[in-house]
């Protein structure tokens, strides 16, 4: 899940400065109404957590891709689940070793 979001942020970052009509970031302009993108100056990309923010002249920020929010939460949930499963397996092995020692 994280790799999917990472690819999306990297793709948006790579589109900047790549040919005509590429500045400011196309991800900040496409799909937004003119009032939203008015005064757009630059962008900020973040890989932990996954974000691609668009910054206006007045300092206000809007997120270019709201889908990155659920990708962040899903990645965090899957990482937590993996950690808990790992700890559970370790605990189970430890419990079996103690039971075998008692017998």
C-alpha atoms as a PDB file:
ATOM      1  CA  UNK A   1       0.000   0.000   0.000  1.00  0.00           C
ATOM      2  CA  UNK A   2       2.778   2.394   0.902  1.00  0.00           C
ATOM      3  CA  UNK A   3       4.574   1.686  -2.369  1.00  0.00           C
ATOM      4  CA  UNK A   4       1.429   2.626  -4.283  1.00  0.00           C
ATOM      5  CA  UNK A   5       1.240   5.998  -2.519  1.00  0.00           C
ATOM      6  CA  UNK A   6       4.988   6.505  -2.823  1.00  0.00           C
ATOM      7  CA  UNK A   7       4.727   6.025  -6.577  1.00  0.00           C
ATOM      8  CA  UNK A   8       1.910   8.592  -6.736  1.00  0.00           C
ATOM      9  CA  UNK A   9       3.906  11.234  -4.852  1.00  0.00           C
ATOM     10  CA  UNK A  10       7.041  10.514  -6.879  1.00  0.00           C
ATOM     11  CA  UNK A  11       5.064  10.756 -10.132  1.00  0.00           C
ATOM     12  CA  UNK A  12       3.599  14.121  -9.111  1.00  0.00           C
ATOM     13  CA  UNK A  13       7.069  15.341  -8.162  1.00  0.00           C
ATOM     14  CA  UNK A  14       8.515  14.171 -11.494  1.00  0.00           C
ATOM     15  CA  UNK A  15       5.864  16.029 -13.515  1.00  0.00           C
ATOM     16  CA  UNK A  16       7.094  19.397 -12.227  1.00  0.00           C
ATOM     17  CA  UNK A  17       9.363  21.150 -14.719  1.00  0.00           C
ATOM     18  CA  UNK A  18       8.916  18.424 -17.333  1.00  0.00           C
ATOM     19  CA  UNK A  19       7.912  20.320 -20.454  1.00  0.00           C
ATOM     20  CA  UNK A  20       5.518  23.132 -21.212  1.00  0.00           C
ATOM     21  CA  UNK A  21       2.744  23.882 -18.722  1.00  0.00           C
ATOM     22  CA  UNK A  22       4.412  21.889 -15.938  1.00  0.00           C
ATOM     23  CA  UNK A  23       4.948  24.662 -13.369  1.00  0.00           C
ATOM     24  CA  UNK A  24       3.261  24.872 -10.932  1.00  0.00           C
ATOM     25  CA  UNK A  25       2.713  21.151 -10.466  1.00  0.00           C
ATOM     26  CA  UNK A  26       0.014  19.690 -12.724  1.00  0.00           C
ATOM     27  CA  UNK A  27      -1.239  17.668  -9.736  1.00  0.00           C
ATOM     28  CA  UNK A  28      -2.066  20.978  -8.032  1.00  0.00           C
ATOM     29  CA  UNK A  29      -3.987  22.322 -11.021  1.00  0.00           C
ATOM     30  CA  UNK A  30      -5.861  19.437 -12.629  1.00  0.00           C
ATOM     31  CA  UNK A  31      -9.299  18.749 -11.220  1.00  0.00           C
ATOM     32  CA  UNK A  32      -9.506  21.928  -9.133  1.00  0.00           C
ATOM     33  CA  UNK A  33     -11.663  24.978  -9.764  1.00  0.00           C
ATOM     34  CA  UNK A  34      -9.966  28.299 -10.650  1.00  0.00           C
ATOM     35  CA  UNK A  35     -10.681  29.787  -7.203  1.00  0.00           C
ATOM     36  CA  UNK A  36      -8.777  26.967  -5.522  1.00  0.00           C
ATOM     37  CA  UNK A  37      -5.646  27.299  -7.645  1.00  0.00           C
ATOM     38  CA  UNK A  38      -5.621  31.101  -7.631  1.00  0.00           C
ATOM     39  CA  UNK A  39      -2.250  32.388  -6.418  1.00  0.00           C
ATOM     40  CA  UNK A  40      -0.551  28.988  -6.591  1.00  0.00           C
ATOM     41  CA  UNK A  41       3.218  29.384  -6.210  1.00  0.00           C
ATOM     42  CA  UNK A  42       4.841  26.041  -5.437  1.00  0.00           C
ATOM     43  CA  UNK A  43       4.365  22.598  -3.920  1.00  0.00           C
ATOM     44  CA  UNK A  44       5.780  20.489  -1.088  1.00  0.00           C
ATOM     45  CA  UNK A  45       6.176  16.739  -1.357  1.00  0.00           C
ATOM     46  CA  UNK A  46       6.541  14.475   1.658  1.00  0.00           C
ATOM     47  CA  UNK A  47       7.229  10.759   1.658  1.00  0.00           C
ATOM     48  CA  UNK A  48       6.617  10.093   5.372  1.00  0.00           C
ATOM     49  CA  UNK A  49       3.710  10.607   5.680  1.00  0.00           C
ATOM     50  CA  UNK A  50       2.728  10.587   2.024  1.00  0.00           C
ATOM     51  CA  UNK A  51       1.646  14.101   1.000  1.00  0.00           C
ATOM     52  CA  UNK A  52       1.722  16.402  -1.988  1.00  0.00           C
ATOM     53  CA  UNK A  53       0.706  19.865  -0.815  1.00  0.00           C
ATOM     54  CA  UNK A  54       0.086  22.878  -3.027  1.00  0.00           C
ATOM     55  CA  UNK A  55       1.060  26.261  -1.586  1.00  0.00           C
ATOM     56  CA  UNK A  56      -0.499  29.627  -2.498  1.00  0.00           C
ATOM     57  CA  UNK A  57       1.069  33.090  -2.280  1.00  0.00           C
ATOM     58  CA  UNK A  58      -0.697  33.825   1.021  1.00  0.00           C
ATOM     59  CA  UNK A  59       0.827  30.706   2.624  1.00  0.00           C
ATOM     60  CA  UNK A  60      -2.370  28.661   2.633  1.00  0.00           C
ATOM     61  CA  UNK A  61      -2.059  25.030   1.591  1.00  0.00           C
ATOM     62  CA  UNK A  62      -4.352  22.482  -0.013  1.00  0.00           C
ATOM     63  CA  UNK A  63      -3.771  18.774  -0.588  1.00  0.00           C
ATOM     64  CA  UNK A  64      -3.505  17.778  -4.230  1.00  0.00           C
ATOM     65  CA  UNK A  65      -4.545  14.155  -3.742  1.00  0.00           C
ATOM     66  CA  UNK A  66      -6.917  13.339  -0.858  1.00  0.00           C
ATOM     67  CA  UNK A  67      -6.491   9.610  -1.613  1.00  0.00           C
ATOM     68  CA  UNK A  68      -3.070   9.769   0.022  1.00  0.00           C
ATOM     69  CA  UNK A  69      -4.795  10.138   3.410  1.00  0.00           C
ATOM     70  CA  UNK A  70      -6.401   6.701   3.253  1.00  0.00           C
ATOM     71  CA  UNK A  71      -3.185   5.220   1.863  1.00  0.00           C
ATOM     72  CA  UNK A  72      -1.313   6.576   4.905  1.00  0.00           C
ATOM     73  CA  UNK A  73      -3.879   5.122   7.322  1.00  0.00           C
ATOM     74  CA  UNK A  74      -4.004   1.789   5.509  1.00  0.00           C
ATOM     75  CA  UNK A  75      -0.208   1.528   5.452  1.00  0.00           C
ATOM     76  CA  UNK A  76      -0.021   2.347   9.158  1.00  0.00           C
ATOM     77  CA  UNK A  77      -2.747  -0.180   9.957  1.00  0.00           C
ATOM     78  CA  UNK A  78      -1.033  -2.911   7.966  1.00  0.00           C
ATOM     79  CA  UNK A  79       2.332  -2.148   9.598  1.00  0.00           C
ATOM     80  CA  UNK A  80       0.754  -2.312  13.057  1.00  0.00           C
ATOM     81  CA  UNK A  81      -0.976  -5.585  12.177  1.00  0.00           C
ATOM     82  CA  UNK A  82       2.307  -7.067  10.941  1.00  0.00           C
ATOM     83  CA  UNK A  83       4.081  -5.999  14.143  1.00  0.00           C
ATOM     84  CA  UNK A  84       1.347  -7.497  16.327  1.00  0.00           C
ATOM     85  CA  UNK A  85       1.403 -10.758  14.362  1.00  0.00           C
ATOM     86  CA  UNK A  86       5.181 -10.914  14.721  1.00  0.00           C
ATOM     87  CA  UNK A  87       4.959 -10.362  18.476  1.00  0.00           C
ATOM     88  CA  UNK A  88       2.154 -12.915  18.725  1.00  0.00           C
ATOM     89  CA  UNK A  89       4.218 -15.538  16.918  1.00  0.00           C
ATOM     90  CA  UNK A  90       7.182 -14.844  19.201  1.00  0.00           C
ATOM     91  CA  UNK A  91       4.973 -15.101  22.285  1.00  0.00           C
ATOM     92  CA  UNK A  92       3.423 -18.347  21.029  1.00  0.00           C
ATOM     93  CA  UNK A  93       6.863 -19.888  20.433  1.00  0.00           C
ATOM     94  CA  UNK A  94       7.956 -18.820  23.919  1.00  0.00           C
ATOM     95  CA  UNK A  95       4.825 -20.325  25.469  1.00  0.00           C
ATOM     96  CA  UNK A  96       5.361 -23.652  23.673  1.00  0.00           C
ATOM     97  CA  UNK A  97       8.982 -23.756  24.832  1.00  0.00           C
ATOM     98  CA  UNK A  98       7.911 -23.212  28.463  1.00  0.00           C
ATOM     99  CA  UNK A  99       5.244 -25.925  28.246  1.00  0.00           C
ATOM    100  CA  UNK A 100       7.782 -28.376  26.814  1.00  0.00           C
ATOM    101  CA  UNK A 101      10.228 -27.567  29.626  1.00  0.00           C
ATOM    102  CA  UNK A 102       7.583 -28.207  32.303  1.00  0.00           C
ATOM    103  CA  UNK A 103       6.751 -31.683  30.940  1.00  0.00           C
END
